Structures are given as structure tokens and as C-alpha cells.
Amino acid sequence: MSWSIRRKLGGPPVGGTAAADGQATYGRLLPTGRLEAFSDGVFAIAITLLVLELHVPTGHEPLLRELGHEWPRYLGYFVSFAFIGGVWIAHSNLTRFIKAADADLMRLNLMLLLFVSLLPFTTYSRRT
């Protein structure tokens, strides 16, 4: 292998037990940069999708009264934004401590992102 996670990270291999094919486990770990970049992109898109449900009032009533009729949408937006923001902060803090990612961590991260990306769908409300 031309690059070694051991050389890139400057530390001993994480769980450096020998695999069945004789290659140590650290040869299968990846730097976390791609995991963080992909996750940040999903978080940003999910937060952006939340705003699609908000509409500019077009009625002839005063603006505050029109916005008052739309309060459930704005409440859903703020709660969902705060939730996704909180998960992003926790995810960012967690990835600071991870030096390398394996396949299991990538799968767990994808599961987290699956649920985060479903949140904008759950905040959509029907107009009656």
C-alpha cells in the first residue's frame, strides 16, 4: 500500500491485529476528512430544505396577522433547525476525537445522516 494511515496520523495503528489475509487492520482505516465533509454537506442540505415550507404571505391583511396564521410552520422550522443544529454540533465534537474511520463507523454515520435527512420531510404540513 503506497500510503499508510499509520504514517499519515503519526501514531500506532488502531486495533492493529492481524487480519485473515495477513494485513493489519490499520490498513483498512481512512482519514476522517471525507466523512466530515460529506456529513457537513448533508446537514447543510437538510437545514436548507427546512426553509422550503415557509412562504411569504400574499394576503391583504397586515403582515403580522398573516404571519400569525403561519405560526405552526415557523415553529416547526425553528424546532427542526435547532434539532439538526444540535446533532451537527455533537457530530462535530465527536469527529474531533476520531483519528481514522473504518467501515462500521461509516455505516453508523450514514444511519445518523439518514434520520437527519428525513427530518425536513416530517416538518412539511398540508395547507387546509
Protein backbone atom coordinates (compact mmCIF):
# COMPACT_ATOMS: atom_id res chain seq x y z
CA MET A 1 0.00 0.00 0.00
CA SER A 2 1.51 3.34 -1.03
CA TRP A 3 0.08 5.31 1.89
CA SER A 4 -0.32 4.18 5.40
CA ILE A 5 -2.77 5.60 7.88
CA ARG A 6 -0.08 4.97 10.47
CA ARG A 7 2.33 7.35 8.72
CA LYS A 8 -0.35 9.97 7.98
CA LEU A 9 -1.62 10.13 11.54
CA GLY A 10 1.75 9.71 13.20
CA GLY A 11 0.55 7.21 15.76
CA PRO A 12 0.36 3.50 16.37
CA PRO A 13 -2.26 1.53 14.46
CA VAL A 14 -5.71 1.48 15.96
CA GLY A 15 -6.56 -2.10 16.81
CA GLY A 16 -3.56 -3.37 14.88
CA THR A 17 -4.48 -7.04 15.00
CA ALA A 18 -3.65 -9.20 12.03
CA ALA A 19 -6.48 -9.96 9.65
CA ALA A 20 -7.08 -13.29 7.92
CA ASP A 21 -5.16 -12.19 4.84
CA GLY A 22 -2.17 -11.13 6.92
CA GLN A 23 -2.74 -7.38 6.50
CA ALA A 24 -3.08 -5.42 9.73
CA THR A 25 -6.42 -3.74 10.50
CA TYR A 26 -4.94 -0.25 10.28
CA GLY A 27 -4.53 -0.69 6.53
CA ARG A 28 -8.32 -0.54 6.19
CA LEU A 29 -8.87 2.70 8.07
CA LEU A 30 -9.41 6.02 6.31
CA PRO A 31 -8.77 9.60 7.41
CA THR A 32 -11.94 11.28 8.65
CA GLY A 33 -11.83 14.28 6.27
CA ARG A 34 -14.21 12.77 3.74
CA LEU A 35 -16.61 11.58 6.45
CA GLU A 36 -16.72 15.08 7.92
CA ALA A 37 -17.13 16.80 4.55
CA PHE A 38 -19.95 14.50 3.43
CA SER A 39 -21.71 14.82 6.79
CA ASP A 40 -21.45 18.62 6.78
CA GLY A 41 -22.95 18.65 3.29
CA VAL A 42 -25.91 16.52 4.35
CA PHE A 43 -26.51 18.69 7.42
CA ALA A 44 -26.39 21.86 5.29
CA ILE A 45 -28.82 20.48 2.70
CA ALA A 46 -31.22 19.23 5.39
CA ILE A 47 -31.29 22.66 7.04
CA THR A 48 -31.79 24.33 3.66
CA LEU A 49 -34.73 22.04 2.83
CA LEU A 50 -36.47 23.15 6.03
CA VAL A 51 -36.97 26.66 4.69
CA LEU A 52 -38.86 25.45 1.59
CA GLU A 53 -42.02 25.05 3.61
CA LEU A 54 -42.00 28.71 4.69
CA HIS A 55 -43.98 31.01 2.41
CA VAL A 56 -44.19 34.77 2.10
CA PRO A 57 -47.70 35.94 2.98
CA THR A 58 -49.59 37.23 -0.06
CA GLY A 59 -52.90 38.18 1.52
CA HIS A 60 -54.30 41.66 2.02
CA GLU A 61 -54.16 41.52 5.81
CA PRO A 62 -51.35 43.21 7.77
CA LEU A 63 -48.07 41.29 7.73
CA LEU A 64 -48.06 40.35 11.42
CA ARG A 65 -51.58 38.95 11.19
CA GLU A 66 -50.65 36.92 8.11
CA LEU A 67 -47.55 35.60 9.85
CA GLY A 68 -49.70 34.73 12.86
CA HIS A 69 -51.72 32.36 10.68
CA GLU A 70 -48.49 30.62 9.65
CA TRP A 71 -47.09 30.13 13.17
CA PRO A 72 -47.15 26.28 13.06
CA ARG A 73 -44.81 26.31 10.05
CA TYR A 74 -42.41 28.72 11.69
CA LEU A 75 -42.45 26.76 14.93
CA GLY A 76 -41.71 23.55 13.02
CA TYR A 77 -38.87 25.31 11.22
CA PHE A 78 -37.26 26.61 14.43
CA VAL A 79 -37.60 23.32 16.29
CA SER A 80 -36.23 21.29 13.37
CA PHE A 81 -33.41 23.77 12.79
CA ALA A 82 -32.44 23.60 16.46
CA PHE A 83 -32.54 19.79 16.41
CA ILE A 84 -30.40 19.47 13.27
CA GLY A 85 -28.04 22.14 14.59
CA GLY A 86 -27.67 20.27 17.88
CA VAL A 87 -26.93 16.99 16.11
CA TRP A 88 -24.38 18.77 13.90
CA ILE A 89 -22.63 20.27 16.94
CA ALA A 90 -22.49 16.87 18.64
CA HIS A 91 -21.24 15.24 15.41
CA SER A 92 -18.54 17.92 15.01
CA ASN A 93 -17.39 17.45 18.59
CA LEU A 94 -17.31 13.68 18.18
CA THR A 95 -15.26 13.73 14.98
CA ARG A 96 -12.58 15.85 16.67
CA PHE A 97 -11.60 12.80 18.70
CA ILE A 98 -11.60 10.27 15.87
CA LYS A 99 -8.29 9.80 14.10
CA ALA A 100 -9.46 7.31 11.46
CA ALA A 101 -12.71 5.74 10.27
CA ASP A 102 -13.47 2.13 9.47
CA ALA A 103 -16.40 0.63 7.57
CA ASP A 104 -18.54 0.23 10.70
CA LEU A 105 -18.14 3.88 11.64
CA MET A 106 -19.04 4.91 8.09
CA ARG A 107 -22.21 2.80 8.23
CA LEU A 108 -23.22 4.24 11.60
CA ASN A 109 -22.60 7.73 10.27
CA LEU A 110 -24.80 7.02 7.25
CA MET A 111 -27.60 5.83 9.56
CA LEU A 112 -27.36 9.08 11.51
CA LEU A 113 -27.46 11.08 8.28
CA LEU A 114 -30.46 9.05 7.08
CA PHE A 115 -32.51 10.16 10.07
CA VAL A 116 -31.26 13.75 9.88
CA SER A 117 -32.19 13.95 6.20
CA LEU A 118 -35.71 12.65 6.91
CA LEU A 119 -36.43 15.44 9.36
CA PRO A 120 -37.36 18.09 6.75
CA PHE A 121 -39.93 15.65 5.32
CA THR A 122 -41.58 15.29 8.73
CA THR A 123 -41.92 19.05 9.18
CA TYR A 124 -43.91 19.60 5.99
CA SER A 125 -47.51 20.49 6.71
CA ARG A 126 -50.51 20.50 4.42
CA ARG A 127 -52.44 23.62 3.78
CA THR A 128 -56.08 23.31 4.71
